[in-house]
Amino acid sequence: MVNVGVIGCGHWGPNHVRIFSHLARSRAVMAADLDEQRLKAIKQTFLNIRTTKRYQDILEDPDIDAVCVAAPTQCHFSITQEALRAGKHVLCEKPLAETAEKCRILRDLAQEQDRVLMVGHIFIFNRGIRQLKTYIDSGEIGRVHYAYALRTNLGPFRYDVNALWDLAPHDIAIFNYLFDHRPVNVSGRGQRCLGTAQEDLAFATLQYPEQVMVHVHVSWLDPKKVRQITIVGDKKMATWDDLDPAGPIKLYDKHVEKTETYYETYGEFQLLSREGSVLIPHIGMNEPLKEQAEYFLDCVEHRKDPLFANAQKGLEVVETLEAVQRSMDEEGACVYL
């Protein structure tokens, strides 16, 4: 049995408390937050959990094996660092820290302390995303030409980070997972439409190895909530729509062919589109947060590195975010990683 303490009971914290309370291999024993009303709500729902306004109480409890850090982004580094030094395994929400340098410190500290440090890149545990990975790795869609992601909604608005740092970590983590690499170079543009200190929308272009181009659009200022990814290959094309009730994945038997016949008028070849059927595979229902928690517990119990979402993966996401932010600050300049 792994005893877990949850630090931060805002948007995601209560979900972590619920998951670790319900899994057979774990128990959520303590939750921390500065807001007494949030702690009261947690206590009313989970009667056996202890609550505190001092997160240090969790770190000082020798019976707690692991900590889930769901506090605001600017607290991730300090709390995670303290937790590792206290001998706790850590599952930290994305992003791992505000800078790549801080991510490196946490990565190295986890290795020194021989503790598991996992980042909450939850969409890596989404079965639809896993299916896209299968299509790419198996060669089903052929060589990937390009891909793009849309992650938009009207709100929720944040004041600690901009829309890029709030939303794009999900899609960067997804594409790094799909293509087994971080981007080679990036460019980005952002805008403060609402007049606040933070950009509320951003457009980023990521160049991956083998000339795979990726576009990411994130926004807090859109009429619809959209969670979509499109992958275009030279054999087939695939889409993921996390909100589609018919099924999140569609595989399109569409591609472009070059004719070998010589045409005096049109040159040496013509491009012809070939269209076939559309496959909607059955994707079993799952709760990614639950699968993420189970994977974390497995890593803790067996002291193994969380390959899909370890500190190095978290570092690569933050390195990419920093590069895109620099490009945005320099009005779209290309930045190499």
C-alpha atoms as a PDB file:
ATOM      1  CA  MET A   1       0.000   0.000   0.000  1.00  0.00           C
ATOM      2  CA  VAL A   2       1.416   3.384  -1.060  1.00  0.00           C
ATOM      3  CA  ASN A   3       0.383   6.277   1.166  1.00  0.00           C
ATOM      4  CA  VAL A   4      -0.030   9.479  -0.835  1.00  0.00           C
ATOM      5  CA  GLY A   5      -0.248  13.117   0.170  1.00  0.00           C
ATOM      6  CA  VAL A   6      -1.804  15.647  -2.220  1.00  0.00           C
ATOM      7  CA  ILE A   7      -0.522  19.230  -2.173  1.00  0.00           C
ATOM      8  CA  GLY A   8      -2.952  21.663  -3.791  1.00  0.00           C
ATOM      9  CA  CYS A   9      -6.729  21.178  -3.807  1.00  0.00           C
ATOM     10  CA  GLY A  10      -7.785  23.565  -6.547  1.00  0.00           C
ATOM     11  CA  HIS A  11      -8.827  22.350 -10.013  1.00  0.00           C
ATOM     12  CA  TRP A  12      -6.975  19.017 -10.237  1.00  0.00           C
ATOM     13  CA  GLY A  13      -6.127  18.263  -6.615  1.00  0.00           C
ATOM     14  CA  PRO A  14      -9.515  16.797  -5.615  1.00  0.00           C
ATOM     15  CA  ASN A  15      -9.358  14.447  -8.611  1.00  0.00           C
ATOM     16  CA  HIS A  16      -5.995  13.142  -7.462  1.00  0.00           C
ATOM     17  CA  VAL A  17      -7.404  12.640  -3.962  1.00  0.00           C
ATOM     18  CA  ARG A  18     -10.322  10.689  -5.436  1.00  0.00           C
ATOM     19  CA  ILE A  19      -8.136   8.470  -7.621  1.00  0.00           C
ATOM     20  CA  PHE A  20      -5.547   7.617  -4.978  1.00  0.00           C
ATOM     21  CA  SER A  21      -8.354   6.970  -2.463  1.00  0.00           C
ATOM     22  CA  HIS A  22     -10.128   4.511  -4.731  1.00  0.00           C
ATOM     23  CA  LEU A  23      -7.189   2.510  -6.108  1.00  0.00           C
ATOM     24  CA  ALA A  24      -6.488  -0.759  -4.309  1.00  0.00           C
ATOM     25  CA  ARG A  25      -2.722  -0.135  -4.150  1.00  0.00           C
ATOM     26  CA  SER A  26      -2.830   3.358  -2.647  1.00  0.00           C
ATOM     27  CA  ARG A  27      -4.439   5.539  -0.032  1.00  0.00           C
ATOM     28  CA  ALA A  28      -4.731   9.333   0.024  1.00  0.00           C
ATOM     29  CA  VAL A  29      -3.947  10.073   3.652  1.00  0.00           C
ATOM     30  CA  MET A  30      -3.460  13.850   3.725  1.00  0.00           C
ATOM     31  CA  ALA A  31      -4.311  16.886   1.594  1.00  0.00           C
ATOM     32  CA  ALA A  32      -2.860  20.386   1.866  1.00  0.00           C
ATOM     33  CA  ASP A  33      -4.112  23.750   0.651  1.00  0.00           C
ATOM     34  CA  LEU A  34      -4.079  27.360   1.871  1.00  0.00           C
ATOM     35  CA  ASP A  35      -7.836  27.696   1.289  1.00  0.00           C
ATOM     36  CA  GLU A  36      -9.837  26.424   4.265  1.00  0.00           C
ATOM     37  CA  GLN A  37     -13.024  26.089   2.197  1.00  0.00           C
ATOM     38  CA  ARG A  38     -11.294  23.751  -0.243  1.00  0.00           C
ATOM     39  CA  LEU A  39      -9.998  21.656   2.631  1.00  0.00           C
ATOM     40  CA  LYS A  40     -13.473  21.563   4.143  1.00  0.00           C
ATOM     41  CA  ALA A  41     -14.922  20.284   0.864  1.00  0.00           C
ATOM     42  CA  ILE A  42     -12.235  17.585   0.667  1.00  0.00           C
ATOM     43  CA  LYS A  43     -12.934  16.514   4.243  1.00  0.00           C
ATOM     44  CA  GLN A  44     -16.680  16.292   3.618  1.00  0.00           C
ATOM     45  CA  THR A  45     -16.158  14.048   0.605  1.00  0.00           C
ATOM     46  CA  PHE A  46     -13.309  11.892   1.926  1.00  0.00           C
ATOM     47  CA  LEU A  47     -14.026  11.361   5.606  1.00  0.00           C
ATOM     48  CA  ASN A  48     -10.818   9.529   6.495  1.00  0.00           C
ATOM     49  CA  ILE A  49      -8.374  11.989   4.976  1.00  0.00           C
ATOM     50  CA  ARG A  50      -6.432  14.470   7.101  1.00  0.00           C
ATOM     51  CA  THR A  51      -6.179  18.073   5.928  1.00  0.00           C
ATOM     52  CA  THR A  52      -3.693  20.838   6.628  1.00  0.00           C
ATOM     53  CA  LYS A  53      -2.763  24.338   5.517  1.00  0.00           C
ATOM     54  CA  ARG A  54       0.937  23.449   5.877  1.00  0.00           C
ATOM     55  CA  TYR A  55       2.140  21.270   3.027  1.00  0.00           C
ATOM     56  CA  GLN A  56       5.254  20.647   5.108  1.00  0.00           C
ATOM     57  CA  ASP A  57       3.085  18.437   7.338  1.00  0.00           C
ATOM     58  CA  ILE A  58       2.871  16.001   4.428  1.00  0.00           C
ATOM     59  CA  LEU A  59       6.624  16.072   3.835  1.00  0.00           C
ATOM     60  CA  GLU A  60       7.373  15.557   7.539  1.00  0.00           C
ATOM     61  CA  ASP A  61       5.048  12.553   7.894  1.00  0.00           C
ATOM     62  CA  PRO A  62       7.211   9.385   7.795  1.00  0.00           C
ATOM     63  CA  ASP A  63       4.199   7.238   6.859  1.00  0.00           C
ATOM     64  CA  ILE A  64       3.629   9.090   3.564  1.00  0.00           C
ATOM     65  CA  ASP A  65       5.533   7.463   0.700  1.00  0.00           C
ATOM     66  CA  ALA A  66       4.632   9.708  -2.216  1.00  0.00           C
ATOM     67  CA  VAL A  67       3.446  13.222  -2.925  1.00  0.00           C
ATOM     68  CA  CYS A  68       1.239  14.561  -5.714  1.00  0.00           C
ATOM     69  CA  VAL A  69       2.009  18.234  -6.406  1.00  0.00           C
ATOM     70  CA  ALA A  70      -1.085  19.965  -7.803  1.00  0.00           C
ATOM     71  CA  ALA A  71      -0.229  23.463  -6.583  1.00  0.00           C
ATOM     72  CA  PRO A  72       0.133  26.512  -8.906  1.00  0.00           C
ATOM     73  CA  THR A  73       2.944  26.347 -11.483  1.00  0.00           C
ATOM     74  CA  GLN A  74       5.220  28.778  -9.666  1.00  0.00           C
ATOM     75  CA  CYS A  75       5.231  26.422  -6.645  1.00  0.00           C
ATOM     76  CA  HIS A  76       6.153  23.251  -8.521  1.00  0.00           C
ATOM     77  CA  PHE A  77       9.920  23.616  -8.234  1.00  0.00           C
ATOM     78  CA  SER A  78      10.178  24.487  -4.562  1.00  0.00           C
ATOM     79  CA  ILE A  79       7.632  21.928  -3.342  1.00  0.00           C
ATOM     80  CA  THR A  80       8.974  19.124  -5.549  1.00  0.00           C
ATOM     81  CA  GLN A  81      12.525  19.880  -4.448  1.00  0.00           C
ATOM     82  CA  GLU A  82      11.523  19.779  -0.774  1.00  0.00           C
ATOM     83  CA  ALA A  83       9.550  16.572  -1.284  1.00  0.00           C
ATOM     84  CA  LEU A  84      12.469  14.779  -2.957  1.00  0.00           C
ATOM     85  CA  ARG A  85      14.829  15.897  -0.211  1.00  0.00           C
ATOM     86  CA  ALA A  86      12.326  14.557   2.324  1.00  0.00           C
ATOM     87  CA  GLY A  87      12.604  11.152   0.652  1.00  0.00           C
ATOM     88  CA  LYS A  88       9.217  11.194  -1.079  1.00  0.00           C
ATOM     89  CA  HIS A  89       8.388   9.956  -4.561  1.00  0.00           C
ATOM     90  CA  VAL A  90       6.732  12.741  -6.555  1.00  0.00           C
ATOM     91  CA  LEU A  91       4.044  13.043  -9.214  1.00  0.00           C
ATOM     92  CA  CYS A  92       4.114  16.711 -10.263  1.00  0.00           C
ATOM     93  CA  GLU A  93       1.509  18.339 -12.476  1.00  0.00           C
ATOM     94  CA  LYS A  94       2.705  19.926 -15.728  1.00  0.00           C
ATOM     95  CA  PRO A  95       4.850  21.838 -16.307  1.00  0.00           C
ATOM     96  CA  LEU A  96       7.519  20.371 -14.061  1.00  0.00           C
ATOM     97  CA  ALA A  97       8.941  23.840 -13.354  1.00  0.00           C
ATOM     98  CA  GLU A  98       8.972  27.375 -14.788  1.00  0.00           C
ATOM     99  CA  THR A  99      12.454  27.018 -16.336  1.00  0.00           C
ATOM    100  CA  ALA A 100      14.508  24.288 -17.951  1.00  0.00           C
ATOM    101  CA  GLU A 101      17.319  24.887 -15.468  1.00  0.00           C
ATOM    102  CA  LYS A 102      14.995  24.147 -12.550  1.00  0.00           C
ATOM    103  CA  CYS A 103      13.809  20.995 -14.321  1.00  0.00           C
ATOM    104  CA  ARG A 104      17.418  19.814 -14.595  1.00  0.00           C
ATOM    105  CA  ILE A 105      17.936  20.400 -10.880  1.00  0.00           C
ATOM    106  CA  LEU A 106      14.854  18.318 -10.051  1.00  0.00           C
ATOM    107  CA  ARG A 107      15.837  15.559 -12.485  1.00  0.00           C
ATOM    108  CA  ASP A 108      19.316  15.276 -10.989  1.00  0.00           C
ATOM    109  CA  LEU A 109      18.001  15.459  -7.418  1.00  0.00           C
ATOM    110  CA  ALA A 110      15.559  12.597  -8.044  1.00  0.00           C
ATOM    111  CA  GLN A 111      18.447  10.479  -9.316  1.00  0.00           C
ATOM    112  CA  GLU A 112      20.596  11.367  -6.300  1.00  0.00           C
ATOM    113  CA  GLN A 113      17.783  10.552  -3.877  1.00  0.00           C
ATOM    114  CA  ASP A 114      16.824   7.383  -5.783  1.00  0.00           C
ATOM    115  CA  ARG A 115      13.220   8.523  -5.923  1.00  0.00           C
ATOM    116  CA  VAL A 116      10.621   8.404  -8.681  1.00  0.00           C
ATOM    117  CA  LEU A 117       9.865  11.803 -10.249  1.00  0.00           C
ATOM    118  CA  MET A 118       7.017  11.741 -12.742  1.00  0.00           C
ATOM    119  CA  VAL A 119       5.355  14.615 -14.592  1.00  0.00           C
ATOM    120  CA  GLY A 120       1.585  14.758 -15.074  1.00  0.00           C
ATOM    121  CA  HIS A 121       1.490  14.717 -18.878  1.00  0.00           C
ATOM    122  CA  ILE A 122      -1.922  13.109 -18.692  1.00  0.00           C
ATOM    123  CA  PHE A 123      -2.665  12.837 -22.426  1.00  0.00           C
ATOM    124  CA  ILE A 124       0.144  10.291 -22.807  1.00  0.00           C
ATOM    125  CA  PHE A 125      -2.295   7.981 -20.996  1.00  0.00           C
ATOM    126  CA  ASN A 126      -5.213   8.794 -23.301  1.00  0.00           C
ATOM    127  CA  ARG A 127      -6.061   5.708 -25.370  1.00  0.00           C
ATOM    128  CA  GLY A 128      -6.820   7.778 -28.439  1.00  0.00           C
ATOM    129  CA  ILE A 129      -3.334   9.281 -28.347  1.00  0.00           C
ATOM    130  CA  ARG A 130      -1.917   5.788 -27.828  1.00  0.00           C
ATOM    131  CA  GLN A 131      -3.773   4.701 -30.996  1.00  0.00           C
ATOM    132  CA  LEU A 132      -2.201   7.550 -32.988  1.00  0.00           C
ATOM    133  CA  LYS A 133       1.187   6.350 -31.756  1.00  0.00           C
ATOM    134  CA  THR A 134       0.393   2.840 -32.985  1.00  0.00           C
ATOM    135  CA  TYR A 135      -0.555   4.138 -36.444  1.00  0.00           C
ATOM    136  CA  ILE A 136       2.708   6.082 -36.703  1.00  0.00           C
ATOM    137  CA  ASP A 137       5.030   3.369 -35.340  1.00  0.00           C
ATOM    138  CA  SER A 138       3.455   0.584 -37.410  1.00  0.00           C
ATOM    139  CA  GLY A 139       3.753   2.560 -40.651  1.00  0.00           C
ATOM    140  CA  GLU A 140      -0.013   2.492 -41.122  1.00  0.00           C
ATOM    141  CA  ILE A 141      -0.129   6.133 -42.198  1.00  0.00           C
ATOM    142  CA  GLY A 142       3.285   6.073 -43.866  1.00  0.00           C
ATOM    143  CA  ARG A 143       5.785   8.893 -43.608  1.00  0.00           C
ATOM    144  CA  VAL A 144       4.334  11.803 -41.668  1.00  0.00           C
ATOM    145  CA  HIS A 145       4.243  15.057 -43.627  1.00  0.00           C
ATOM    146  CA  TYR A 146       2.813  17.304 -40.942  1.00  0.00           C
ATOM    147  CA  ALA A 147       0.471  17.495 -37.968  1.00  0.00           C
ATOM    148  CA  TYR A 148      -1.472  20.145 -36.113  1.00  0.00           C
ATOM    149  CA  ALA A 149      -3.320  20.550 -32.829  1.00  0.00           C
ATOM    150  CA  LEU A 150      -6.176  22.783 -31.675  1.00  0.00           C
ATOM    151  CA  ARG A 151      -6.742  23.333 -27.954  1.00  0.00           C
ATOM    152  CA  THR A 152      -9.187  26.185 -27.459  1.00  0.00           C
ATOM    153  CA  ASN A 153     -12.073  27.358 -25.283  1.00  0.00           C
ATOM    154  CA  LEU A 154     -13.611  30.522 -23.841  1.00  0.00           C
ATOM    155  CA  GLY A 155     -11.616  30.482 -20.583  1.00  0.00           C
ATOM    156  CA  PRO A 156     -10.791  29.467 -17.973  1.00  0.00           C
ATOM    157  CA  PHE A 157      -8.499  32.475 -17.656  1.00  0.00           C
ATOM    158  CA  ARG A 158      -5.305  32.334 -15.620  1.00  0.00           C
ATOM    159  CA  TYR A 159      -3.099  35.096 -14.274  1.00  0.00           C
ATOM    160  CA  ASP A 160      -0.013  33.137 -13.222  1.00  0.00           C
ATOM    161  CA  VAL A 161       0.921  31.840 -16.692  1.00  0.00           C
ATOM    162  CA  ASN A 162      -0.145  32.632 -20.260  1.00  0.00           C
ATOM    163  CA  ALA A 163      -2.168  30.431 -22.620  1.00  0.00           C
ATOM    164  CA  LEU A 164       1.015  28.933 -24.090  1.00  0.00           C
ATOM    165  CA  TRP A 165       2.298  27.683 -20.721  1.00  0.00           C
ATOM    166  CA  ASP A 166      -1.194  26.672 -19.595  1.00  0.00           C
ATOM    167  CA  LEU A 167      -2.340  24.668 -22.620  1.00  0.00           C
ATOM    168  CA  ALA A 168       0.571  23.921 -24.968  1.00  0.00           C
ATOM    169  CA  PRO A 169       2.440  21.585 -22.540  1.00  0.00           C
ATOM    170  CA  HIS A 170      -0.232  18.999 -23.322  1.00  0.00           C
ATOM    171  CA  ASP A 171       0.272  19.126 -27.083  1.00  0.00           C
ATOM    172  CA  ILE A 172       4.062  19.435 -26.946  1.00  0.00           C
ATOM    173  CA  ALA A 173       4.180  16.380 -24.686  1.00  0.00           C
ATOM    174  CA  ILE A 174       1.879  14.526 -27.085  1.00  0.00           C
ATOM    175  CA  PHE A 175       3.948  15.311 -30.185  1.00  0.00           C
ATOM    176  CA  ASN A 176       7.236  14.543 -28.403  1.00  0.00           C
ATOM    177  CA  TYR A 177       5.687  11.175 -27.496  1.00  0.00           C
ATOM    178  CA  LEU A 178       4.340  10.524 -30.994  1.00  0.00           C
ATOM    179  CA  PHE A 179       7.609  11.387 -32.760  1.00  0.00           C
ATOM    180  CA  ASP A 180      10.019  10.138 -30.043  1.00  0.00           C
ATOM    181  CA  HIS A 181      11.906  13.419 -30.054  1.00  0.00           C
ATOM    182  CA  ARG A 182      11.681  17.046 -29.045  1.00  0.00           C
ATOM    183  CA  PRO A 183      11.488  19.718 -31.790  1.00  0.00           C
ATOM    184  CA  VAL A 184      14.630  20.806 -33.625  1.00  0.00           C
ATOM    185  CA  ASN A 185      13.506  24.421 -33.897  1.00  0.00           C
ATOM    186  CA  VAL A 186      10.390  26.457 -33.158  1.00  0.00           C
ATOM    187  CA  SER A 187       8.697  29.749 -33.864  1.00  0.00           C
ATOM    188  CA  GLY A 188       5.664  31.340 -32.272  1.00  0.00           C
ATOM    189  CA  ARG A 189       3.403  34.347 -32.081  1.00  0.00           C
ATOM    190  CA  GLY A 190       1.098  35.361 -29.258  1.00  0.00           C
ATOM    191  CA  GLN A 191      -1.340  38.130 -28.466  1.00  0.00           C
ATOM    192  CA  ARG A 192      -2.951  39.804 -25.444  1.00  0.00           C
ATOM    193  CA  CYS A 193      -6.446  40.340 -26.783  1.00  0.00           C
ATOM    194  CA  LEU A 194      -7.970  40.964 -23.328  1.00  0.00           C
ATOM    195  CA  GLY A 195      -5.376  43.527 -22.322  1.00  0.00           C
ATOM    196  CA  THR A 196      -3.971  41.504 -19.411  1.00  0.00           C
ATOM    197  CA  ALA A 197      -0.299  40.869 -18.668  1.00  0.00           C
ATOM    198  CA  GLN A 198      -0.515  37.362 -20.181  1.00  0.00           C
ATOM    199  CA  GLU A 199      -0.966  36.250 -23.786  1.00  0.00           C
ATOM    200  CA  ASP A 200      -4.412  34.677 -24.085  1.00  0.00           C
ATOM    201  CA  LEU A 201      -3.704  32.998 -27.414  1.00  0.00           C
ATOM    202  CA  ALA A 202      -0.638  31.586 -29.138  1.00  0.00           C
ATOM    203  CA  PHE A 203       0.338  29.964 -32.421  1.00  0.00           C
ATOM    204  CA  ALA A 204       3.456  27.788 -32.436  1.00  0.00           C
ATOM    205  CA  THR A 205       5.236  25.984 -35.258  1.00  0.00           C
ATOM    206  CA  LEU A 206       7.479  23.082 -34.242  1.00  0.00           C
ATOM    207  CA  GLN A 207       9.945  21.458 -36.620  1.00  0.00           C
ATOM    208  CA  TYR A 208      10.665  17.820 -35.738  1.00  0.00           C
ATOM    209  CA  PRO A 209      13.346  15.544 -37.255  1.00  0.00           C
ATOM    210  CA  GLU A 210      12.772  14.122 -40.747  1.00  0.00           C
ATOM    211  CA  GLN A 211      11.086  17.367 -41.832  1.00  0.00           C
ATOM    212  CA  VAL A 212       7.905  16.777 -39.825  1.00  0.00           C
ATOM    213  CA  MET A 213       6.222  20.138 -39.321  1.00  0.00           C
ATOM    214  CA  VAL A 214       3.741  20.633 -36.464  1.00  0.00           C
ATOM    215  CA  HIS A 215       1.431  23.547 -35.740  1.00  0.00           C
ATOM    216  CA  VAL A 216      -0.149  24.196 -32.333  1.00  0.00           C
ATOM    217  CA  HIS A 217      -2.964  26.677 -31.709  1.00  0.00           C
ATOM    218  CA  VAL A 218      -3.961  27.362 -28.100  1.00  0.00           C
ATOM    219  CA  SER A 219      -6.431  29.960 -26.878  1.00  0.00           C
ATOM    220  CA  TRP A 220      -8.553  31.047 -23.924  1.00  0.00           C
ATOM    221  CA  LEU A 221     -10.606  33.232 -26.267  1.00  0.00           C
ATOM    222  CA  ASP A 222     -12.472  30.931 -28.635  1.00  0.00           C
ATOM    223  CA  PRO A 223     -16.189  30.248 -29.156  1.00  0.00           C
ATOM    224  CA  LYS A 224     -15.844  26.457 -28.830  1.00  0.00           C
ATOM    225  CA  LYS A 225     -14.023  24.009 -26.646  1.00  0.00           C
ATOM    226  CA  VAL A 226     -11.826  22.040 -29.044  1.00  0.00           C
ATOM    227  CA  ARG A 227      -9.348  19.247 -28.346  1.00  0.00           C
ATOM    228  CA  GLN A 228      -8.186  17.978 -31.739  1.00  0.00           C
ATOM    229  CA  ILE A 229      -5.086  16.619 -33.482  1.00  0.00           C
ATOM    230  CA  THR A 230      -4.611  15.808 -37.163  1.00  0.00           C
ATOM    231  CA  ILE A 231      -1.764  13.667 -38.546  1.00  0.00           C
ATOM    232  CA  VAL A 232      -1.161  13.690 -42.330  1.00  0.00           C
ATOM    233  CA  GLY A 233       0.918  10.856 -43.783  1.00  0.00           C
ATOM    234  CA  ASP A 234       1.803   9.840 -47.322  1.00  0.00           C
ATOM    235  CA  LYS A 235      -0.372   6.699 -47.064  1.00  0.00           C
ATOM    236  CA  LYS A 236      -3.212   7.611 -44.727  1.00  0.00           C
ATOM    237  CA  MET A 237      -4.361  10.388 -42.434  1.00  0.00           C
ATOM    238  CA  ALA A 238      -5.645  10.237 -38.859  1.00  0.00           C
ATOM    239  CA  THR A 239      -7.522  12.568 -36.537  1.00  0.00           C
ATOM    240  CA  TRP A 240      -8.111  12.623 -32.788  1.00  0.00           C
ATOM    241  CA  ASP A 241     -11.059  14.498 -31.321  1.00  0.00           C
ATOM    242  CA  ASP A 242     -11.318  14.049 -27.582  1.00  0.00           C
ATOM    243  CA  LEU A 243     -14.860  15.461 -27.555  1.00  0.00           C
ATOM    244  CA  ASP A 244     -16.363  13.465 -30.446  1.00  0.00           C
ATOM    245  CA  PRO A 245     -19.142  11.193 -29.113  1.00  0.00           C
ATOM    246  CA  ALA A 246     -18.845   8.903 -32.153  1.00  0.00           C
ATOM    247  CA  GLY A 247     -15.262   8.020 -31.213  1.00  0.00           C
ATOM    248  CA  PRO A 248     -12.035   9.957 -30.736  1.00  0.00           C
ATOM    249  CA  ILE A 249     -10.081   8.401 -33.628  1.00  0.00           C
ATOM    250  CA  LYS A 250     -10.764   8.431 -37.356  1.00  0.00           C
ATOM    251  CA  LEU A 251      -8.378   6.845 -39.872  1.00  0.00           C
ATOM    252  CA  TYR A 252      -8.777   8.181 -43.414  1.00  0.00           C
ATOM    253  CA  ASP A 253      -7.635   6.065 -46.352  1.00  0.00           C
ATOM    254  CA  LYS A 254      -6.582   9.144 -48.285  1.00  0.00           C
ATOM    255  CA  HIS A 255      -3.318   9.956 -49.989  1.00  0.00           C
ATOM    256  CA  VAL A 256      -1.777  11.630 -53.008  1.00  0.00           C
ATOM    257  CA  GLU A 257      -0.294   9.717 -55.960  1.00  0.00           C
ATOM    258  CA  LYS A 258       2.096  10.870 -58.641  1.00  0.00           C
ATOM    259  CA  THR A 259       1.272   9.505 -62.109  1.00  0.00           C
ATOM    260  CA  GLU A 260       4.178   8.091 -64.096  1.00  0.00           C
ATOM    261  CA  THR A 261       2.710   8.967 -67.496  1.00  0.00           C
ATOM    262  CA  TYR A 262       4.439  11.760 -69.389  1.00  0.00           C
ATOM    263  CA  TYR A 263       2.237  14.726 -70.276  1.00  0.00           C
ATOM    264  CA  GLU A 264       3.593  17.249 -72.778  1.00  0.00           C
ATOM    265  CA  THR A 265       1.245  19.923 -71.464  1.00  0.00           C
ATOM    266  CA  TYR A 266       1.442  19.338 -67.746  1.00  0.00           C
ATOM    267  CA  GLY A 267       5.018  18.164 -67.264  1.00  0.00           C
ATOM    268  CA  GLU A 268       6.442  14.871 -66.126  1.00  0.00           C
ATOM    269  CA  PHE A 269       3.719  13.933 -63.629  1.00  0.00           C
ATOM    270  CA  GLN A 270       0.399  14.927 -62.170  1.00  0.00           C
ATOM    271  CA  LEU A 271      -0.777  14.768 -58.574  1.00  0.00           C
ATOM    272  CA  LEU A 272      -3.954  12.770 -58.074  1.00  0.00           C
ATOM    273  CA  SER A 273      -5.920  12.409 -54.848  1.00  0.00           C
ATOM    274  CA  ARG A 274      -7.001   8.908 -53.833  1.00  0.00           C
ATOM    275  CA  GLU A 275      -9.851   8.574 -51.383  1.00  0.00           C
ATOM    276  CA  GLY A 276     -11.017   5.419 -49.654  1.00  0.00           C
ATOM    277  CA  SER A 277     -13.003   4.544 -46.568  1.00  0.00           C
ATOM    278  CA  VAL A 278     -12.953   6.151 -43.127  1.00  0.00           C
ATOM    279  CA  LEU A 279     -12.315   3.802 -40.199  1.00  0.00           C
ATOM    280  CA  ILE A 280     -13.555   4.643 -36.695  1.00  0.00           C
ATOM    281  CA  PRO A 281     -11.793   2.072 -34.479  1.00  0.00           C
ATOM    282  CA  HIS A 282     -13.240   1.070 -31.148  1.00  0.00           C
ATOM    283  CA  ILE A 283     -11.291   2.840 -28.418  1.00  0.00           C
ATOM    284  CA  GLY A 284     -12.122   1.494 -24.996  1.00  0.00           C
ATOM    285  CA  MET A 285     -13.266   4.023 -22.441  1.00  0.00           C
ATOM    286  CA  ASN A 286     -10.713   4.889 -19.776  1.00  0.00           C
ATOM    287  CA  GLU A 287      -9.897   7.634 -17.321  1.00  0.00           C
ATOM    288  CA  PRO A 288      -6.378   8.820 -18.211  1.00  0.00           C
ATOM    289  CA  LEU A 289      -5.858  10.240 -14.716  1.00  0.00           C
ATOM    290  CA  LYS A 290      -6.489   6.793 -13.259  1.00  0.00           C
ATOM    291  CA  GLU A 291      -4.093   5.100 -15.676  1.00  0.00           C
ATOM    292  CA  GLN A 292      -1.506   7.763 -14.911  1.00  0.00           C
ATOM    293  CA  ALA A 293      -1.870   7.137 -11.167  1.00  0.00           C
ATOM    294  CA  GLU A 294      -1.606   3.365 -11.632  1.00  0.00           C
ATOM    295  CA  TYR A 295       1.534   3.791 -13.725  1.00  0.00           C
ATOM    296  CA  PHE A 296       3.024   6.084 -11.065  1.00  0.00           C
ATOM    297  CA  LEU A 297       2.276   3.536  -8.336  1.00  0.00           C
ATOM    298  CA  ASP A 298       3.843   0.778 -10.419  1.00  0.00           C
ATOM    299  CA  CYS A 299       7.000   2.874 -10.820  1.00  0.00           C
ATOM    300  CA  VAL A 300       7.095   3.572  -7.068  1.00  0.00           C
ATOM    301  CA  GLU A 301       6.580  -0.063  -6.083  1.00  0.00           C
ATOM    302  CA  HIS A 302       9.239  -1.345  -8.486  1.00  0.00           C
ATOM    303  CA  ARG A 303      11.554   1.698  -8.284  1.00  0.00           C
ATOM    304  CA  LYS A 304      11.619   2.078 -12.042  1.00  0.00           C
ATOM    305  CA  ASP A 305      11.904   5.145 -14.238  1.00  0.00           C
ATOM    306  CA  PRO A 306       8.545   6.406 -15.609  1.00  0.00           C
ATOM    307  CA  LEU A 307       9.647   6.258 -19.239  1.00  0.00           C
ATOM    308  CA  PHE A 308       6.549   7.923 -20.700  1.00  0.00           C
ATOM    309  CA  ALA A 309       6.589  10.940 -18.385  1.00  0.00           C
ATOM    310  CA  ASN A 310       9.860  11.105 -16.504  1.00  0.00           C
ATOM    311  CA  ALA A 311      11.766  14.240 -15.490  1.00  0.00           C
ATOM    312  CA  GLN A 312      13.764  14.238 -18.747  1.00  0.00           C
ATOM    313  CA  LYS A 313      10.524  14.275 -20.758  1.00  0.00           C
ATOM    314  CA  GLY A 314       9.253  17.078 -18.564  1.00  0.00           C
ATOM    315  CA  LEU A 315      12.496  18.987 -19.131  1.00  0.00           C
ATOM    316  CA  GLU A 316      12.176  18.649 -22.917  1.00  0.00           C
ATOM    317  CA  VAL A 317       8.649  20.055 -22.810  1.00  0.00           C
ATOM    318  CA  VAL A 318       9.794  23.059 -20.769  1.00  0.00           C
ATOM    319  CA  GLU A 319      12.801  23.600 -23.066  1.00  0.00           C
ATOM    320  CA  THR A 320      10.355  23.743 -25.973  1.00  0.00           C
ATOM    321  CA  LEU A 321       8.041  26.138 -24.135  1.00  0.00           C
ATOM    322  CA  GLU A 322      10.961  28.433 -23.329  1.00  0.00           C
ATOM    323  CA  ALA A 323      12.026  28.437 -26.979  1.00  0.00           C
ATOM    324  CA  VAL A 324       8.504  29.236 -28.205  1.00  0.00           C
ATOM    325  CA  GLN A 325       8.158  32.005 -25.598  1.00  0.00           C
ATOM    326  CA  ARG A 326      11.467  33.487 -26.725  1.00  0.00           C
ATOM    327  CA  SER A 327      10.245  33.407 -30.323  1.00  0.00           C
ATOM    328  CA  MET A 328       6.998  35.108 -29.296  1.00  0.00           C
ATOM    329  CA  ASP A 329       8.995  37.793 -27.483  1.00  0.00           C
ATOM    330  CA  GLU A 330      11.079  38.279 -30.634  1.00  0.00           C
ATOM    331  CA  GLU A 331       8.017  38.537 -32.920  1.00  0.00           C
ATOM    332  CA  GLY A 332       8.210  35.067 -34.404  1.00  0.00           C
ATOM    333  CA  ALA A 333      11.963  34.548 -34.793  1.00  0.00           C
ATOM    334  CA  CYS A 334      13.110  30.964 -35.398  1.00  0.00           C
ATOM    335  CA  VAL A 335      14.692  29.528 -32.245  1.00  0.00           C
ATOM    336  CA  TYR A 336      16.815  26.379 -32.305  1.00  0.00           C
ATOM    337  CA  LEU A 337      16.833  23.940 -29.406  1.00  0.00           C
END
